[in-house]
């Protein structure tokens, strides 16, 4: 190995050790009231589900009790948390249709004792049609979740809702049930593509169904520091949303990509990896910030483009 390469590896190692020490010295405050956060981006491939499960797992490791609700028929969040989601399993589908309650569907995860999940099953794929004829179809999740949190003996500090990339009744239910929206944005070409539409849809939800909904957090993902494009995109997003973008950035990482195929979060798969560290830093920042950076849904809707 050339001297320059050795020096670079050494610098990365020193930086990693420094960041871990800083994280170890940081105490993450627990919210007094349950924070209900929907993770959403209508653009696919931005790391939405990956961000949901890894942030939830990171917060659990930092002392919070966390619930993940999988609202995506693909069930990828359930898979990553090691939770069974065969068609015959009681799931969020049964809760939305009113056949069962959240306690009936609730499962512990294989990831951490503080992390719980309400899984999705393939049955959820037909829920969009079945919900159309039901009373209060947009509020089924909110009603079930509020009842559960009020009656649960276990105090949940965070609820993360992973929803499908399309805007249908499942996503609307997720927005109506939440207090906050977290948007993962990949630092690649067309990073802000579709963001204007997403903000417009959130504005409609806020106006007609959930006045308290706010965009609290934007997380930059798939960051490659070696490219000028990634740096330019990160700068552009921060310029548009200075209060909402976390300082922590999730790098492009093989470990993050590999973990779901083993039915694990990156923390369980390789807790020493740089990807796991990035999500722990993001989780600590979310806990420390609260929702103070919340953005009204009407703000920023003019921003659209490649970056």
C-alpha atoms as a PDB file:
ATOM      1  CA  UNK A   1       0.000   0.000   0.000  1.00  0.00           C
ATOM      2  CA  UNK A   2       1.336   3.432  -0.948  1.00  0.00           C
ATOM      3  CA  UNK A   3       2.160   5.921   1.783  1.00  0.00           C
ATOM      4  CA  UNK A   4      -0.664   8.219   0.656  1.00  0.00           C
ATOM      5  CA  UNK A   5      -3.185   5.392   0.910  1.00  0.00           C
ATOM      6  CA  UNK A   6      -1.894   4.416   4.341  1.00  0.00           C
ATOM      7  CA  UNK A   7      -2.235   8.011   5.469  1.00  0.00           C
ATOM      8  CA  UNK A   8      -5.807   8.189   4.166  1.00  0.00           C
ATOM      9  CA  UNK A   9      -6.805   4.948   5.930  1.00  0.00           C
ATOM     10  CA  UNK A  10      -5.225   6.242   9.118  1.00  0.00           C
ATOM     11  CA  UNK A  11      -7.147   9.513   8.879  1.00  0.00           C
ATOM     12  CA  UNK A  12     -10.427   7.656   8.406  1.00  0.00           C
ATOM     13  CA  UNK A  13      -9.710   5.437  11.401  1.00  0.00           C
ATOM     14  CA  UNK A  14      -8.859   8.409  13.619  1.00  0.00           C
ATOM     15  CA  UNK A  15     -12.033  10.202  12.516  1.00  0.00           C
ATOM     16  CA  UNK A  16     -14.132   7.124  13.232  1.00  0.00           C
ATOM     17  CA  UNK A  17     -12.657   6.748  16.723  1.00  0.00           C
ATOM     18  CA  UNK A  18     -13.242  10.444  17.427  1.00  0.00           C
ATOM     19  CA  UNK A  19     -16.876  10.246  16.327  1.00  0.00           C
ATOM     20  CA  UNK A  20     -17.526   7.132  18.420  1.00  0.00           C
ATOM     21  CA  UNK A  21     -16.044   8.757  21.505  1.00  0.00           C
ATOM     22  CA  UNK A  22     -18.171  11.848  20.995  1.00  0.00           C
ATOM     23  CA  UNK A  23     -21.270   9.690  20.554  1.00  0.00           C
ATOM     24  CA  UNK A  24     -20.471   7.707  23.705  1.00  0.00           C
ATOM     25  CA  UNK A  25     -20.301  10.954  25.676  1.00  0.00           C
ATOM     26  CA  UNK A  26     -23.632  12.175  24.330  1.00  0.00           C
ATOM     27  CA  UNK A  27     -26.799  11.472  26.319  1.00  0.00           C
ATOM     28  CA  UNK A  28     -29.936  11.316  24.179  1.00  0.00           C
ATOM     29  CA  UNK A  29     -32.933  12.881  25.959  1.00  0.00           C
ATOM     30  CA  UNK A  30     -36.165  10.891  25.878  1.00  0.00           C
ATOM     31  CA  UNK A  31     -39.264  12.802  24.733  1.00  0.00           C
ATOM     32  CA  UNK A  32     -41.953  13.437  27.320  1.00  0.00           C
ATOM     33  CA  UNK A  33     -44.625  12.583  24.782  1.00  0.00           C
ATOM     34  CA  UNK A  34     -44.493   9.910  22.088  1.00  0.00           C
ATOM     35  CA  UNK A  35     -43.081  11.261  18.833  1.00  0.00           C
ATOM     36  CA  UNK A  36     -44.904   9.751  15.859  1.00  0.00           C
ATOM     37  CA  UNK A  37     -42.805  10.074  12.713  1.00  0.00           C
ATOM     38  CA  UNK A  38     -43.733   9.056   9.185  1.00  0.00           C
ATOM     39  CA  UNK A  39     -40.746   8.383   6.936  1.00  0.00           C
ATOM     40  CA  UNK A  40     -41.702   9.328   3.399  1.00  0.00           C
ATOM     41  CA  UNK A  41     -40.405  10.124  -0.039  1.00  0.00           C
ATOM     42  CA  UNK A  42     -42.445   9.497  -3.167  1.00  0.00           C
ATOM     43  CA  UNK A  43     -39.231   9.039  -5.122  1.00  0.00           C
ATOM     44  CA  UNK A  44     -38.099   5.423  -4.914  1.00  0.00           C
ATOM     45  CA  UNK A  45     -34.617   4.188  -4.104  1.00  0.00           C
ATOM     46  CA  UNK A  46     -33.721   6.873  -1.572  1.00  0.00           C
ATOM     47  CA  UNK A  47     -33.271   4.548   1.405  1.00  0.00           C
ATOM     48  CA  UNK A  48     -36.662   5.176   2.996  1.00  0.00           C
ATOM     49  CA  UNK A  49     -37.175   1.761   4.607  1.00  0.00           C
ATOM     50  CA  UNK A  50     -33.459   1.441   5.365  1.00  0.00           C
ATOM     51  CA  UNK A  51     -33.601   4.770   7.173  1.00  0.00           C
ATOM     52  CA  UNK A  52     -36.759   3.802   9.079  1.00  0.00           C
ATOM     53  CA  UNK A  53     -35.403   0.574  10.543  1.00  0.00           C
ATOM     54  CA  UNK A  54     -31.870   1.802  11.194  1.00  0.00           C
ATOM     55  CA  UNK A  55     -32.951   5.003  12.926  1.00  0.00           C
ATOM     56  CA  UNK A  56     -35.454   3.035  15.007  1.00  0.00           C
ATOM     57  CA  UNK A  57     -32.788   0.497  15.947  1.00  0.00           C
ATOM     58  CA  UNK A  58     -30.285   3.251  16.740  1.00  0.00           C
ATOM     59  CA  UNK A  59     -32.726   5.036  19.060  1.00  0.00           C
ATOM     60  CA  UNK A  60     -33.503   1.730  20.781  1.00  0.00           C
ATOM     61  CA  UNK A  61     -29.781   1.263  21.398  1.00  0.00           C
ATOM     62  CA  UNK A  62     -29.650   4.748  22.877  1.00  0.00           C
ATOM     63  CA  UNK A  63     -32.293   3.938  25.479  1.00  0.00           C
ATOM     64  CA  UNK A  64     -35.606   4.708  23.803  1.00  0.00           C
ATOM     65  CA  UNK A  65     -38.518   2.310  23.425  1.00  0.00           C
ATOM     66  CA  UNK A  66     -39.452   2.328  19.759  1.00  0.00           C
ATOM     67  CA  UNK A  67     -42.294   0.973  17.631  1.00  0.00           C
ATOM     68  CA  UNK A  68     -42.059   0.504  13.861  1.00  0.00           C
ATOM     69  CA  UNK A  69     -45.290   0.223  11.893  1.00  0.00           C
ATOM     70  CA  UNK A  70     -44.753  -1.312   8.478  1.00  0.00           C
ATOM     71  CA  UNK A  71     -47.300   0.164   6.057  1.00  0.00           C
ATOM     72  CA  UNK A  72     -45.597  -1.059   2.883  1.00  0.00           C
ATOM     73  CA  UNK A  73     -47.103  -4.221   1.330  1.00  0.00           C
ATOM     74  CA  UNK A  74     -43.585  -5.374   0.418  1.00  0.00           C
ATOM     75  CA  UNK A  75     -42.854  -5.810   4.119  1.00  0.00           C
ATOM     76  CA  UNK A  76     -39.185  -4.849   3.837  1.00  0.00           C
ATOM     77  CA  UNK A  77     -39.127  -3.148   7.234  1.00  0.00           C
ATOM     78  CA  UNK A  78     -40.550  -6.293   8.825  1.00  0.00           C
ATOM     79  CA  UNK A  79     -37.875  -8.383   7.107  1.00  0.00           C
ATOM     80  CA  UNK A  80     -35.043  -6.125   8.274  1.00  0.00           C
ATOM     81  CA  UNK A  81     -36.278  -6.364  11.859  1.00  0.00           C
ATOM     82  CA  UNK A  82     -36.490 -10.146  11.774  1.00  0.00           C
ATOM     83  CA  UNK A  83     -40.254 -10.152  12.224  1.00  0.00           C
ATOM     84  CA  UNK A  84     -42.406 -12.866  10.568  1.00  0.00           C
ATOM     85  CA  UNK A  85     -44.827 -11.447   8.021  1.00  0.00           C
ATOM     86  CA  UNK A  86     -46.364 -14.438   6.292  1.00  0.00           C
ATOM     87  CA  UNK A  87     -49.902 -13.892   4.915  1.00  0.00           C
ATOM     88  CA  UNK A  88     -51.520 -15.684   7.868  1.00  0.00           C
ATOM     89  CA  UNK A  89     -49.766 -13.453  10.451  1.00  0.00           C
ATOM     90  CA  UNK A  90     -51.905 -10.806  12.150  1.00  0.00           C
ATOM     91  CA  UNK A  91     -50.613  -7.541  10.697  1.00  0.00           C
ATOM     92  CA  UNK A  92     -51.322  -3.865  10.152  1.00  0.00           C
ATOM     93  CA  UNK A  93     -53.727  -4.971   7.413  1.00  0.00           C
ATOM     94  CA  UNK A  94     -56.023  -6.529  10.015  1.00  0.00           C
ATOM     95  CA  UNK A  95     -55.724  -3.435  12.197  1.00  0.00           C
ATOM     96  CA  UNK A  96     -56.697  -1.065   9.379  1.00  0.00           C
ATOM     97  CA  UNK A  97     -59.751  -3.145   8.497  1.00  0.00           C
ATOM     98  CA  UNK A  98     -60.798  -3.242  12.143  1.00  0.00           C
ATOM     99  CA  UNK A  99     -60.584  -7.000  12.535  1.00  0.00           C
ATOM    100  CA  UNK A 100     -57.793  -6.780  15.118  1.00  0.00           C
ATOM    101  CA  UNK A 101     -56.012  -4.224  17.301  1.00  0.00           C
ATOM    102  CA  UNK A 102     -52.370  -3.172  17.419  1.00  0.00           C
ATOM    103  CA  UNK A 103     -51.666  -5.368  20.488  1.00  0.00           C
ATOM    104  CA  UNK A 104     -52.904  -8.345  18.448  1.00  0.00           C
ATOM    105  CA  UNK A 105     -50.353  -7.606  15.708  1.00  0.00           C
ATOM    106  CA  UNK A 106     -47.473  -6.353  17.859  1.00  0.00           C
ATOM    107  CA  UNK A 107     -44.270  -8.411  17.732  1.00  0.00           C
ATOM    108  CA  UNK A 108     -40.839  -8.114  19.383  1.00  0.00           C
ATOM    109  CA  UNK A 109     -37.970  -7.767  16.945  1.00  0.00           C
ATOM    110  CA  UNK A 110     -34.810  -9.811  16.766  1.00  0.00           C
ATOM    111  CA  UNK A 111     -32.805  -6.577  16.671  1.00  0.00           C
ATOM    112  CA  UNK A 112     -33.190  -5.152  20.186  1.00  0.00           C
ATOM    113  CA  UNK A 113     -35.341  -5.635  23.280  1.00  0.00           C
ATOM    114  CA  UNK A 114     -36.479  -1.995  23.103  1.00  0.00           C
ATOM    115  CA  UNK A 115     -37.635  -2.287  19.498  1.00  0.00           C
ATOM    116  CA  UNK A 116     -41.095  -3.561  18.508  1.00  0.00           C
ATOM    117  CA  UNK A 117     -42.879  -3.919  15.196  1.00  0.00           C
ATOM    118  CA  UNK A 118     -46.364  -4.146  13.730  1.00  0.00           C
ATOM    119  CA  UNK A 119     -45.606  -6.038  10.524  1.00  0.00           C
ATOM    120  CA  UNK A 120     -47.009  -5.785   7.036  1.00  0.00           C
ATOM    121  CA  UNK A 121     -48.133  -8.741   4.928  1.00  0.00           C
ATOM    122  CA  UNK A 122     -48.877  -9.124   1.241  1.00  0.00           C
ATOM    123  CA  UNK A 123     -52.562  -8.798   2.160  1.00  0.00           C
ATOM    124  CA  UNK A 124     -51.925  -5.080   2.530  1.00  0.00           C
ATOM    125  CA  UNK A 125     -51.634  -4.797  -1.262  1.00  0.00           C
ATOM    126  CA  UNK A 126     -55.422  -5.018  -1.517  1.00  0.00           C
ATOM    127  CA  UNK A 127     -56.124  -2.686   1.384  1.00  0.00           C
ATOM    128  CA  UNK A 128     -56.280   0.413  -0.828  1.00  0.00           C
ATOM    129  CA  UNK A 129     -59.448  -0.957  -2.455  1.00  0.00           C
ATOM    130  CA  UNK A 130     -60.945  -2.372   0.729  1.00  0.00           C
ATOM    131  CA  UNK A 131     -60.482   0.868   2.668  1.00  0.00           C
ATOM    132  CA  UNK A 132     -62.449   2.926   0.139  1.00  0.00           C
ATOM    133  CA  UNK A 133     -65.829   1.814   1.452  1.00  0.00           C
ATOM    134  CA  UNK A 134     -64.964   2.064   5.158  1.00  0.00           C
ATOM    135  CA  UNK A 135     -65.996   4.866   7.510  1.00  0.00           C
ATOM    136  CA  UNK A 136     -63.201   7.368   8.324  1.00  0.00           C
ATOM    137  CA  UNK A 137     -60.931   5.540   5.898  1.00  0.00           C
ATOM    138  CA  UNK A 138     -58.121   8.113   6.183  1.00  0.00           C
ATOM    139  CA  UNK A 139     -58.052   7.929   9.985  1.00  0.00           C
ATOM    140  CA  UNK A 140     -58.023   4.188  10.637  1.00  0.00           C
ATOM    141  CA  UNK A 141     -54.370   4.088  11.648  1.00  0.00           C
ATOM    142  CA  UNK A 142     -54.532   7.205  13.806  1.00  0.00           C
ATOM    143  CA  UNK A 143     -57.518   5.886  15.756  1.00  0.00           C
ATOM    144  CA  UNK A 144     -55.904   2.493  16.324  1.00  0.00           C
ATOM    145  CA  UNK A 145     -52.537   4.009  17.272  1.00  0.00           C
ATOM    146  CA  UNK A 146     -53.957   6.588  19.669  1.00  0.00           C
ATOM    147  CA  UNK A 147     -55.984   3.895  21.424  1.00  0.00           C
ATOM    148  CA  UNK A 148     -52.940   1.651  21.677  1.00  0.00           C
ATOM    149  CA  UNK A 149     -50.627   4.347  23.058  1.00  0.00           C
ATOM    150  CA  UNK A 150     -53.229   5.455  25.595  1.00  0.00           C
ATOM    151  CA  UNK A 151     -53.821   1.919  26.891  1.00  0.00           C
ATOM    152  CA  UNK A 152     -50.323   0.446  26.626  1.00  0.00           C
ATOM    153  CA  UNK A 153     -48.486  -0.255  29.869  1.00  0.00           C
ATOM    154  CA  UNK A 154     -45.213   0.162  27.974  1.00  0.00           C
ATOM    155  CA  UNK A 155     -44.160   3.743  27.310  1.00  0.00           C
ATOM    156  CA  UNK A 156     -43.167   4.226  23.670  1.00  0.00           C
ATOM    157  CA  UNK A 157     -40.889   7.182  23.024  1.00  0.00           C
ATOM    158  CA  UNK A 158     -40.938   6.938  19.226  1.00  0.00           C
ATOM    159  CA  UNK A 159     -43.228   5.467  16.604  1.00  0.00           C
ATOM    160  CA  UNK A 160     -41.829   5.237  13.075  1.00  0.00           C
ATOM    161  CA  UNK A 161     -44.241   4.570  10.207  1.00  0.00           C
ATOM    162  CA  UNK A 162     -42.746   3.195   7.006  1.00  0.00           C
ATOM    163  CA  UNK A 163     -45.101   3.827   4.105  1.00  0.00           C
ATOM    164  CA  UNK A 164     -45.068   2.908   0.393  1.00  0.00           C
ATOM    165  CA  UNK A 165     -43.578   5.418  -2.082  1.00  0.00           C
ATOM    166  CA  UNK A 166     -46.944   6.070  -3.788  1.00  0.00           C
ATOM    167  CA  UNK A 167     -49.586   8.427  -2.426  1.00  0.00           C
ATOM    168  CA  UNK A 168     -52.598   6.208  -1.728  1.00  0.00           C
ATOM    169  CA  UNK A 169     -54.798   5.552   1.270  1.00  0.00           C
ATOM    170  CA  UNK A 170     -51.999   3.711   3.080  1.00  0.00           C
ATOM    171  CA  UNK A 171     -49.692   6.725   2.863  1.00  0.00           C
ATOM    172  CA  UNK A 172     -52.539   9.099   3.714  1.00  0.00           C
ATOM    173  CA  UNK A 173     -53.241   7.034   6.835  1.00  0.00           C
ATOM    174  CA  UNK A 174     -49.571   7.301   7.775  1.00  0.00           C
ATOM    175  CA  UNK A 175     -49.595  11.103   7.367  1.00  0.00           C
ATOM    176  CA  UNK A 176     -52.813  11.498   9.324  1.00  0.00           C
ATOM    177  CA  UNK A 177     -51.499   9.369  12.201  1.00  0.00           C
ATOM    178  CA  UNK A 178     -48.161  11.205  12.492  1.00  0.00           C
ATOM    179  CA  UNK A 179     -46.980  14.418  14.093  1.00  0.00           C
ATOM    180  CA  UNK A 180     -43.808  14.654  12.030  1.00  0.00           C
ATOM    181  CA  UNK A 181     -42.516  13.736   8.591  1.00  0.00           C
ATOM    182  CA  UNK A 182     -38.914  12.631   8.051  1.00  0.00           C
ATOM    183  CA  UNK A 183     -37.723  12.795   4.437  1.00  0.00           C
ATOM    184  CA  UNK A 184     -34.624  10.858   3.320  1.00  0.00           C
ATOM    185  CA  UNK A 185     -32.966  12.499   0.306  1.00  0.00           C
ATOM    186  CA  UNK A 186     -30.199  10.753  -1.600  1.00  0.00           C
ATOM    187  CA  UNK A 187     -27.235  12.920  -2.582  1.00  0.00           C
ATOM    188  CA  UNK A 188     -27.418  12.007  -6.235  1.00  0.00           C
ATOM    189  CA  UNK A 189     -28.672  13.429  -9.519  1.00  0.00           C
ATOM    190  CA  UNK A 190     -32.316  14.587  -9.385  1.00  0.00           C
ATOM    191  CA  UNK A 191     -32.195  14.522  -5.589  1.00  0.00           C
ATOM    192  CA  UNK A 192     -35.090  16.966  -5.285  1.00  0.00           C
ATOM    193  CA  UNK A 193     -37.148  15.363  -8.028  1.00  0.00           C
ATOM    194  CA  UNK A 194     -40.720  14.982  -6.814  1.00  0.00           C
ATOM    195  CA  UNK A 195     -40.056  16.849  -3.571  1.00  0.00           C
ATOM    196  CA  UNK A 196     -42.343  19.712  -4.571  1.00  0.00           C
ATOM    197  CA  UNK A 197     -45.184  17.237  -5.136  1.00  0.00           C
ATOM    198  CA  UNK A 198     -44.488  15.564  -1.784  1.00  0.00           C
ATOM    199  CA  UNK A 199     -44.587  18.889   0.048  1.00  0.00           C
ATOM    200  CA  UNK A 200     -47.790  19.773  -1.771  1.00  0.00           C
ATOM    201  CA  UNK A 201     -49.404  16.512  -0.711  1.00  0.00           C
ATOM    202  CA  UNK A 202     -48.346  17.066   2.888  1.00  0.00           C
ATOM    203  CA  UNK A 203     -49.862  20.534   2.689  1.00  0.00           C
ATOM    204  CA  UNK A 204     -53.180  19.037   1.603  1.00  0.00           C
ATOM    205  CA  UNK A 205     -53.081  16.562   4.496  1.00  0.00           C
ATOM    206  CA  UNK A 206     -52.308  19.403   6.868  1.00  0.00           C
ATOM    207  CA  UNK A 207     -55.151  21.518   5.537  1.00  0.00           C
ATOM    208  CA  UNK A 208     -57.882  18.896   5.483  1.00  0.00           C
ATOM    209  CA  UNK A 209     -56.963  16.020   7.799  1.00  0.00           C
ATOM    210  CA  UNK A 210     -54.056  16.729  10.160  1.00  0.00           C
ATOM    211  CA  UNK A 211     -53.325  20.394  10.939  1.00  0.00           C
ATOM    212  CA  UNK A 212     -50.507  19.459  13.321  1.00  0.00           C
ATOM    213  CA  UNK A 213     -48.397  17.614  10.739  1.00  0.00           C
ATOM    214  CA  UNK A 214     -44.917  19.094  10.244  1.00  0.00           C
ATOM    215  CA  UNK A 215     -41.796  18.259   8.271  1.00  0.00           C
ATOM    216  CA  UNK A 216     -39.298  17.989  11.117  1.00  0.00           C
ATOM    217  CA  UNK A 217     -36.298  16.204   9.636  1.00  0.00           C
ATOM    218  CA  UNK A 218     -34.437  15.714   6.360  1.00  0.00           C
ATOM    219  CA  UNK A 219     -31.658  13.134   6.247  1.00  0.00           C
ATOM    220  CA  UNK A 220     -29.075  13.008   3.475  1.00  0.00           C
ATOM    221  CA  UNK A 221     -28.366   9.425   2.399  1.00  0.00           C
ATOM    222  CA  UNK A 222     -26.104   7.523  -0.014  1.00  0.00           C
ATOM    223  CA  UNK A 223     -23.441  10.203   0.315  1.00  0.00           C
ATOM    224  CA  UNK A 224     -20.171   9.642  -1.547  1.00  0.00           C
ATOM    225  CA  UNK A 225     -17.614  12.211  -0.398  1.00  0.00           C
ATOM    226  CA  UNK A 226     -15.374  11.368  -3.364  1.00  0.00           C
ATOM    227  CA  UNK A 227     -17.738  12.996  -5.857  1.00  0.00           C
ATOM    228  CA  UNK A 228     -18.346  16.683  -6.455  1.00  0.00           C
ATOM    229  CA  UNK A 229     -21.980  15.910  -7.256  1.00  0.00           C
ATOM    230  CA  UNK A 230     -22.712  14.580  -3.772  1.00  0.00           C
ATOM    231  CA  UNK A 231     -21.179  17.651  -2.180  1.00  0.00           C
ATOM    232  CA  UNK A 232     -23.145  19.961  -4.484  1.00  0.00           C
ATOM    233  CA  UNK A 233     -26.424  18.191  -3.799  1.00  0.00           C
ATOM    234  CA  UNK A 234     -25.840  18.273  -0.035  1.00  0.00           C
ATOM    235  CA  UNK A 235     -25.137  21.998  -0.225  1.00  0.00           C
ATOM    236  CA  UNK A 236     -28.230  22.632  -2.302  1.00  0.00           C
ATOM    237  CA  UNK A 237     -30.518  20.716   0.059  1.00  0.00           C
ATOM    238  CA  UNK A 238     -29.066  22.513   3.081  1.00  0.00           C
ATOM    239  CA  UNK A 239     -29.600  25.859   1.361  1.00  0.00           C
ATOM    240  CA  UNK A 240     -33.280  25.068   0.779  1.00  0.00           C
ATOM    241  CA  UNK A 241     -33.960  23.516   4.199  1.00  0.00           C
ATOM    242  CA  UNK A 242     -31.337  24.843   6.649  1.00  0.00           C
ATOM    243  CA  UNK A 243     -33.286  24.029   9.824  1.00  0.00           C
ATOM    244  CA  UNK A 244     -34.547  20.580   8.876  1.00  0.00           C
ATOM    245  CA  UNK A 245     -31.415  18.897   7.451  1.00  0.00           C
ATOM    246  CA  UNK A 246     -29.465  16.885  10.004  1.00  0.00           C
ATOM    247  CA  UNK A 247     -25.742  17.440  10.346  1.00  0.00           C
ATOM    248  CA  UNK A 248     -25.280  13.675  10.268  1.00  0.00           C
ATOM    249  CA  UNK A 249     -24.992  12.202   6.769  1.00  0.00           C
ATOM    250  CA  UNK A 250     -25.444   8.545   5.844  1.00  0.00           C
ATOM    251  CA  UNK A 251     -22.701   7.428   3.449  1.00  0.00           C
ATOM    252  CA  UNK A 252     -23.054   4.988   0.611  1.00  0.00           C
ATOM    253  CA  UNK A 253     -22.171   1.741   2.364  1.00  0.00           C
ATOM    254  CA  UNK A 254     -21.944  -1.895   1.366  1.00  0.00           C
ATOM    255  CA  UNK A 255     -22.800  -2.946   4.932  1.00  0.00           C
ATOM    256  CA  UNK A 256     -26.025  -0.935   4.904  1.00  0.00           C
ATOM    257  CA  UNK A 257     -27.005  -2.535   1.603  1.00  0.00           C
ATOM    258  CA  UNK A 258     -26.137  -6.069   2.703  1.00  0.00           C
ATOM    259  CA  UNK A 259     -27.881  -6.050   6.094  1.00  0.00           C
ATOM    260  CA  UNK A 260     -31.522  -6.462   4.913  1.00  0.00           C
ATOM    261  CA  UNK A 261     -30.666  -9.633   2.980  1.00  0.00           C
ATOM    262  CA  UNK A 262     -29.740 -11.177   6.335  1.00  0.00           C
ATOM    263  CA  UNK A 263     -32.947  -9.959   7.975  1.00  0.00           C
ATOM    264  CA  UNK A 264     -31.019  -7.444  10.074  1.00  0.00           C
ATOM    265  CA  UNK A 265     -30.438  -3.760  10.581  1.00  0.00           C
ATOM    266  CA  UNK A 266     -26.918  -2.506   9.950  1.00  0.00           C
ATOM    267  CA  UNK A 267     -26.416  -2.284  13.725  1.00  0.00           C
ATOM    268  CA  UNK A 268     -27.023  -6.000  14.192  1.00  0.00           C
ATOM    269  CA  UNK A 269     -25.190  -6.954  10.988  1.00  0.00           C
ATOM    270  CA  UNK A 270     -22.052  -4.868  11.523  1.00  0.00           C
ATOM    271  CA  UNK A 271     -22.313  -2.462  14.417  1.00  0.00           C
ATOM    272  CA  UNK A 272     -18.705  -1.340  13.930  1.00  0.00           C
ATOM    273  CA  UNK A 273     -19.311  -0.156  10.359  1.00  0.00           C
ATOM    274  CA  UNK A 274     -19.319   3.462   9.286  1.00  0.00           C
ATOM    275  CA  UNK A 275     -22.967   3.085   8.197  1.00  0.00           C
ATOM    276  CA  UNK A 276     -24.050   2.006  11.682  1.00  0.00           C
ATOM    277  CA  UNK A 277     -22.130   4.930  13.159  1.00  0.00           C
ATOM    278  CA  UNK A 278     -23.846   7.384  10.808  1.00  0.00           C
ATOM    279  CA  UNK A 279     -27.322   6.203  11.797  1.00  0.00           C
ATOM    280  CA  UNK A 280     -26.408   6.347  15.493  1.00  0.00           C
ATOM    281  CA  UNK A 281     -25.262   9.941  15.002  1.00  0.00           C
ATOM    282  CA  UNK A 282     -28.471  10.796  13.143  1.00  0.00           C
ATOM    283  CA  UNK A 283     -30.563   9.200  15.907  1.00  0.00           C
ATOM    284  CA  UNK A 284     -28.714  11.142  18.609  1.00  0.00           C
ATOM    285  CA  UNK A 285     -29.299  14.367  16.678  1.00  0.00           C
ATOM    286  CA  UNK A 286     -33.006  13.629  16.222  1.00  0.00           C
ATOM    287  CA  UNK A 287     -33.334  13.003  19.955  1.00  0.00           C
ATOM    288  CA  UNK A 288     -31.452  16.176  20.850  1.00  0.00           C
ATOM    289  CA  UNK A 289     -33.266  18.415  18.345  1.00  0.00           C
ATOM    290  CA  UNK A 290     -36.774  17.262  19.134  1.00  0.00           C
ATOM    291  CA  UNK A 291     -39.029  18.720  16.452  1.00  0.00           C
ATOM    292  CA  UNK A 292     -37.779  22.276  16.849  1.00  0.00           C
ATOM    293  CA  UNK A 293     -36.731  22.465  13.209  1.00  0.00           C
ATOM    294  CA  UNK A 294     -40.232  21.683  11.952  1.00  0.00           C
ATOM    295  CA  UNK A 295     -41.111  23.149   8.591  1.00  0.00           C
ATOM    296  CA  UNK A 296     -44.685  24.142   7.713  1.00  0.00           C
ATOM    297  CA  UNK A 297     -45.856  22.087   4.756  1.00  0.00           C
ATOM    298  CA  UNK A 298     -46.379  25.283   2.757  1.00  0.00           C
ATOM    299  CA  UNK A 299     -42.685  26.168   2.870  1.00  0.00           C
ATOM    300  CA  UNK A 300     -40.177  25.150   0.243  1.00  0.00           C
ATOM    301  CA  UNK A 301     -42.738  23.922  -2.293  1.00  0.00           C
ATOM    302  CA  UNK A 302     -41.137  25.944  -5.055  1.00  0.00           C
ATOM    303  CA  UNK A 303     -37.959  23.849  -4.959  1.00  0.00           C
ATOM    304  CA  UNK A 304     -37.777  21.270  -7.704  1.00  0.00           C
ATOM    305  CA  UNK A 305     -35.000  20.083  -9.914  1.00  0.00           C
ATOM    306  CA  UNK A 306     -31.898  18.007 -10.094  1.00  0.00           C
ATOM    307  CA  UNK A 307     -30.415  19.523  -6.942  1.00  0.00           C
END
